[in-house]
Amino acid sequence: MYSLIFGKTFFSSIKKLDKGLKIKTDKQLKLLQQNPFHPKLHSKYLHGKLDNSYSFRVGKDYRVVFRFMQNRIIQLLTIKHRKEVYK
């Protein structure tokens, strides 16, 4: 089991989502804690300015960006629409 820590940007980003997306995000975060590469997450390694980070899907259009820290800790960086998150 992994522990999650939430960055300031993640909190401000999630506040902007509607209730349905918040519920989906919560379910996906529980999967992330159990297995960061669970097939339902569609986790992938990122390159460029987000190098050393990963993302996973929330629904079709939203992505959560995260990083692995030491001692089985995952830092959640942000959640945004897929068209905005990689910019």
Protein backbone atom coordinates (compact mmCIF):
# COMPACT_ATOMS: atom_id res chain seq x y z
CA MET A 1 0.00 0.00 0.00
CA TYR A 2 1.28 3.47 -0.92
CA SER A 3 0.74 6.67 1.05
CA LEU A 4 -0.46 9.77 -0.77
CA ILE A 5 0.62 13.35 -0.14
CA PHE A 6 -1.24 16.20 -1.79
CA GLY A 7 0.50 19.21 -3.28
CA LYS A 8 -1.01 22.71 -3.05
CA THR A 9 -1.70 22.75 -6.80
CA PHE A 10 -3.59 19.46 -6.54
CA PHE A 11 -5.93 20.87 -3.89
CA SER A 12 -6.66 24.03 -5.87
CA SER A 13 -7.21 22.00 -9.06
CA ILE A 14 -9.58 19.48 -7.51
CA LYS A 15 -11.73 22.23 -5.98
CA LYS A 16 -12.59 23.37 -9.51
CA LEU A 17 -14.04 19.98 -10.54
CA ASP A 18 -17.71 19.07 -10.47
CA LYS A 19 -19.03 16.58 -7.92
CA GLY A 20 -19.06 13.62 -10.35
CA LEU A 21 -15.39 14.06 -11.22
CA LYS A 22 -14.47 14.38 -7.55
CA ILE A 23 -16.15 11.02 -6.86
CA LYS A 24 -14.34 9.39 -9.81
CA THR A 25 -11.05 10.88 -8.64
CA ASP A 26 -11.56 9.47 -5.16
CA LYS A 27 -12.11 5.96 -6.58
CA GLN A 28 -9.03 6.24 -8.78
CA LEU A 29 -6.91 7.45 -5.85
CA LYS A 30 -7.87 4.32 -3.89
CA LEU A 31 -6.69 2.19 -6.82
CA LEU A 32 -3.48 4.24 -6.99
CA GLN A 33 -2.75 3.51 -3.32
CA GLN A 34 -3.09 -0.22 -3.92
CA ASN A 35 -1.26 -0.43 -7.27
CA PRO A 36 -0.03 2.67 -9.17
CA PHE A 37 -0.03 0.66 -12.40
CA HIS A 38 -3.48 -0.89 -12.11
CA PRO A 39 -4.89 -1.36 -15.64
CA LYS A 40 -7.94 0.83 -14.87
CA LEU A 41 -5.65 3.80 -14.19
CA HIS A 42 -3.84 3.76 -17.56
CA SER A 43 -0.73 5.11 -15.81
CA LYS A 44 2.09 6.34 -18.01
CA TYR A 45 5.52 7.89 -17.62
CA LEU A 46 5.81 11.52 -18.72
CA HIS A 47 8.62 13.29 -20.55
CA GLY A 48 9.69 16.88 -21.18
CA LYS A 49 8.93 19.42 -18.48
CA LEU A 50 7.04 16.73 -16.53
CA ASP A 51 10.00 14.34 -16.66
CA ASN A 52 10.16 11.92 -13.71
CA SER A 53 6.39 12.18 -13.28
CA TYR A 54 3.50 9.93 -14.20
CA SER A 55 -0.14 10.49 -15.03
CA PHE A 56 -3.31 8.44 -14.77
CA ARG A 57 -6.80 8.90 -16.16
CA VAL A 58 -9.89 10.11 -14.39
CA GLY A 59 -12.71 9.47 -16.81
CA LYS A 60 -11.92 10.13 -20.46
CA ASP A 61 -10.74 13.70 -20.25
CA TYR A 62 -8.94 14.35 -16.97
CA ARG A 63 -5.44 13.40 -15.85
CA VAL A 64 -3.76 13.34 -12.45
CA VAL A 65 -0.02 13.98 -12.47
CA PHE A 66 1.98 12.34 -9.69
CA ARG A 67 5.52 11.45 -8.62
CA PHE A 68 7.00 8.60 -6.66
CA MET A 69 8.82 9.72 -3.54
CA GLN A 70 10.87 7.59 -1.16
CA ASN A 71 9.40 4.91 1.12
CA ARG A 72 6.29 4.09 -0.95
CA ILE A 73 4.97 7.66 -0.96
CA ILE A 74 3.21 9.19 -3.96
CA GLN A 75 2.97 12.96 -4.32
CA LEU A 76 -0.08 14.16 -6.24
CA LEU A 77 0.84 17.25 -8.25
CA THR A 78 -2.27 18.32 -10.18
CA ILE A 79 -5.46 17.26 -11.91
CA LYS A 80 -6.48 18.97 -15.14
CA HIS A 81 -8.18 18.40 -18.46
CA ARG A 82 -5.99 16.35 -20.80
CA LYS A 83 -5.61 19.30 -23.20
CA GLU A 84 -4.15 21.49 -20.43
CA VAL A 85 -2.23 19.16 -18.15
CA TYR A 86 0.79 18.55 -20.41
CA LYS A 87 1.42 22.21 -21.30
